[in-house]
């Protein structure tokens, strides 16, 4: 029987029994580096870029209430840029019968995730999705045309999932 749940992982895990999950597939927040900069087609002409820059750099022209909101938004952006807390993997490992997990991640997260599961003596693999039409640049850097997917599986864990397209 498949019991598929959709929602915030942190919220849903509280109601899940330990050693009860066969497979986890997650797409947690990626680490990214925000420099405020231009994309391939320039940012100054785009209204949403100006709104972002106004919030991020706090122009000081807004009321105190709006400035407080800008500071909060800036803190949220900073926090999000660090990806996800690796402690969530400890929770997921406890909920799985045997480790059997696919994790979408950024290039900068690959080694951390691999290290985590290799320390648990898991078989690991790096799968990739090659995008044929990626965004060329963001924040003055070229974006990769590759998405990374880490697969980790405990030894003697039956592979019950096959990715295909």
Protein backbone atom coordinates (compact mmCIF):
# COMPACT_ATOMS: atom_id res chain seq x y z
CA UNK A 1 0.00 0.00 0.00
CA UNK A 2 1.30 3.46 -0.87
CA UNK A 3 0.59 6.31 1.51
CA UNK A 4 1.68 9.47 -0.28
CA UNK A 5 1.70 12.73 1.68
CA UNK A 6 2.27 16.19 0.34
CA UNK A 7 3.18 19.10 2.59
CA UNK A 8 5.93 20.66 4.65
CA UNK A 9 8.32 17.87 5.63
CA UNK A 10 8.94 19.25 9.11
CA UNK A 11 5.20 19.47 9.84
CA UNK A 12 4.40 16.01 8.48
CA UNK A 13 7.26 14.08 10.10
CA UNK A 14 5.93 14.59 13.63
CA UNK A 15 3.01 12.26 12.93
CA UNK A 16 5.06 9.54 11.24
CA UNK A 17 6.18 6.44 13.13
CA UNK A 18 9.88 5.58 13.30
CA UNK A 19 11.00 2.74 10.97
CA UNK A 20 7.86 3.04 8.85
CA UNK A 21 8.95 4.64 5.54
CA UNK A 22 10.29 2.66 2.57
CA UNK A 23 11.42 5.53 0.34
CA UNK A 24 12.01 9.29 0.64
CA UNK A 25 12.24 11.68 -2.30
CA UNK A 26 12.91 15.29 -1.30
CA UNK A 27 13.69 18.59 -2.97
CA UNK A 28 14.86 20.74 -0.05
CA UNK A 29 16.03 24.37 -0.39
CA UNK A 30 19.25 24.72 -2.38
CA UNK A 31 22.23 26.70 -1.23
CA UNK A 32 22.61 29.75 -3.43
CA UNK A 33 24.74 32.82 -3.37
CA UNK A 34 23.03 36.18 -3.63
CA UNK A 35 25.15 39.04 -4.81
CA UNK A 36 22.41 41.32 -6.10
CA UNK A 37 23.60 41.59 -9.70
CA UNK A 38 22.50 41.28 -13.20
CA UNK A 39 21.09 38.48 -15.19
CA UNK A 40 21.80 37.93 -18.85
CA UNK A 41 19.34 40.60 -19.90
CA UNK A 42 19.95 43.25 -17.23
CA UNK A 43 18.11 43.76 -13.96
CA UNK A 44 17.64 47.51 -13.75
CA UNK A 45 14.77 47.47 -16.26
CA UNK A 46 12.75 44.83 -14.42
CA UNK A 47 10.31 46.05 -11.80
CA UNK A 48 10.60 42.93 -9.63
CA UNK A 49 14.40 43.29 -9.50
CA UNK A 50 14.06 46.87 -8.27
CA UNK A 51 11.58 45.75 -5.59
CA UNK A 52 13.99 43.02 -4.49
CA UNK A 53 16.95 45.41 -4.39
CA UNK A 54 14.92 48.00 -2.48
CA UNK A 55 14.00 45.39 0.12
CA UNK A 56 17.42 43.84 0.31
CA UNK A 57 19.47 47.02 0.47
CA UNK A 58 16.99 49.06 2.53
CA UNK A 59 16.83 52.42 0.86
CA UNK A 60 15.76 54.15 4.10
CA UNK A 61 13.00 56.03 2.29
CA UNK A 62 10.18 53.87 3.68
CA UNK A 63 8.30 54.24 6.95
CA UNK A 64 9.57 52.39 10.05
CA UNK A 65 6.94 49.69 9.56
CA UNK A 66 8.05 49.04 5.99
CA UNK A 67 11.73 49.15 7.02
CA UNK A 68 11.02 46.55 9.73
CA UNK A 69 9.35 44.40 7.08
CA UNK A 70 12.35 44.87 4.77
CA UNK A 71 14.72 43.76 7.54
CA UNK A 72 12.57 40.67 8.14
CA UNK A 73 12.54 39.86 4.41
CA UNK A 74 16.32 40.34 4.25
CA UNK A 75 16.78 37.92 7.17
CA UNK A 76 14.52 35.38 5.45
CA UNK A 77 16.52 35.69 2.22
CA UNK A 78 19.80 35.24 4.10
CA UNK A 79 18.50 32.19 5.98
CA UNK A 80 17.11 30.57 2.84
CA UNK A 81 20.39 31.00 0.97
CA UNK A 82 22.06 28.48 3.30
CA UNK A 83 19.94 25.62 1.99
CA UNK A 84 18.52 23.24 4.56
CA UNK A 85 19.60 22.08 8.01
CA UNK A 86 21.33 18.72 7.60
CA UNK A 87 19.76 17.63 10.92
CA UNK A 88 16.59 16.89 8.98
CA UNK A 89 18.44 13.93 7.49
CA UNK A 90 18.79 12.44 10.98
CA UNK A 91 15.02 12.65 11.40
CA UNK A 92 14.39 11.09 7.99
CA UNK A 93 16.84 8.25 8.65
CA UNK A 94 14.97 7.43 11.87
CA UNK A 95 11.65 7.35 10.02
CA UNK A 96 12.87 5.00 7.27
CA UNK A 97 12.90 1.21 7.62
CA UNK A 98 16.23 1.23 5.81
CA UNK A 99 17.93 4.22 4.25
CA UNK A 100 16.55 4.62 0.74
CA UNK A 101 16.48 8.27 -0.32
CA UNK A 102 16.70 10.60 -3.32
CA UNK A 103 17.69 14.20 -2.58
CA UNK A 104 17.66 16.99 -5.15
CA UNK A 105 20.39 19.50 -4.35
CA UNK A 106 22.70 22.21 -5.61
CA UNK A 107 26.28 21.55 -6.67
CA UNK A 108 27.53 23.01 -3.38
CA UNK A 109 25.47 20.54 -1.36
CA UNK A 110 26.58 17.37 -3.18
CA UNK A 111 29.68 16.65 -1.08
CA UNK A 112 27.93 17.35 2.25
CA UNK A 113 25.09 14.97 1.44
CA UNK A 114 27.43 12.29 0.09
CA UNK A 115 29.62 12.54 3.20
CA UNK A 116 26.59 12.24 5.47
CA UNK A 117 25.41 8.98 3.90
CA UNK A 118 28.86 7.50 3.30
CA UNK A 119 29.50 7.87 7.05
CA UNK A 120 26.41 5.69 7.50
CA UNK A 121 27.99 3.09 5.18
CA UNK A 122 25.39 3.61 2.46
CA UNK A 123 25.81 3.04 -1.23
CA UNK A 124 25.55 6.43 -2.92
CA UNK A 125 25.27 7.71 -6.43
CA UNK A 126 25.03 11.09 -8.12
CA UNK A 127 22.34 11.36 -10.76
CA UNK A 128 21.96 14.43 -12.95
CA UNK A 129 19.29 16.11 -15.00
CA UNK A 130 20.71 17.98 -17.97
CA UNK A 131 18.42 20.92 -18.78
CA UNK A 132 18.24 21.79 -22.45
CA UNK A 133 17.13 25.40 -21.93
CA UNK A 134 18.49 26.75 -18.62
CA UNK A 135 18.53 30.38 -17.50
CA UNK A 136 21.96 31.62 -18.70
CA UNK A 137 23.02 33.79 -15.73
CA UNK A 138 21.87 34.99 -12.36
CA UNK A 139 23.64 37.21 -9.81
CA UNK A 140 26.51 37.78 -12.24
CA UNK A 141 27.33 34.08 -12.48
CA UNK A 142 26.56 31.46 -15.09
CA UNK A 143 23.98 28.97 -13.95
CA UNK A 144 24.54 25.29 -14.41
CA UNK A 145 22.49 23.41 -16.95
CA UNK A 146 22.64 20.45 -14.56
CA UNK A 147 20.51 19.60 -11.53
CA UNK A 148 21.93 17.11 -9.05
CA UNK A 149 20.12 14.20 -7.42
CA UNK A 150 21.84 12.20 -4.70
CA UNK A 151 20.70 8.62 -4.20
CA UNK A 152 21.65 6.87 -0.98
CA UNK A 153 20.68 3.36 -0.04
CA UNK A 154 21.53 1.16 2.88
CA UNK A 155 23.15 -2.14 1.98
CA UNK A 156 20.67 -4.95 1.48
CA UNK A 157 17.90 -2.43 0.86
CA UNK A 158 15.70 -3.51 -2.01
CA UNK A 159 15.49 -0.89 -4.75
CA UNK A 160 11.74 -0.44 -4.99
CA UNK A 161 11.84 2.73 -7.10
CA UNK A 162 13.05 3.18 -10.61
CA UNK A 163 13.30 6.66 -12.10
CA UNK A 164 12.29 6.84 -15.74
CA UNK A 165 11.03 9.38 -18.18
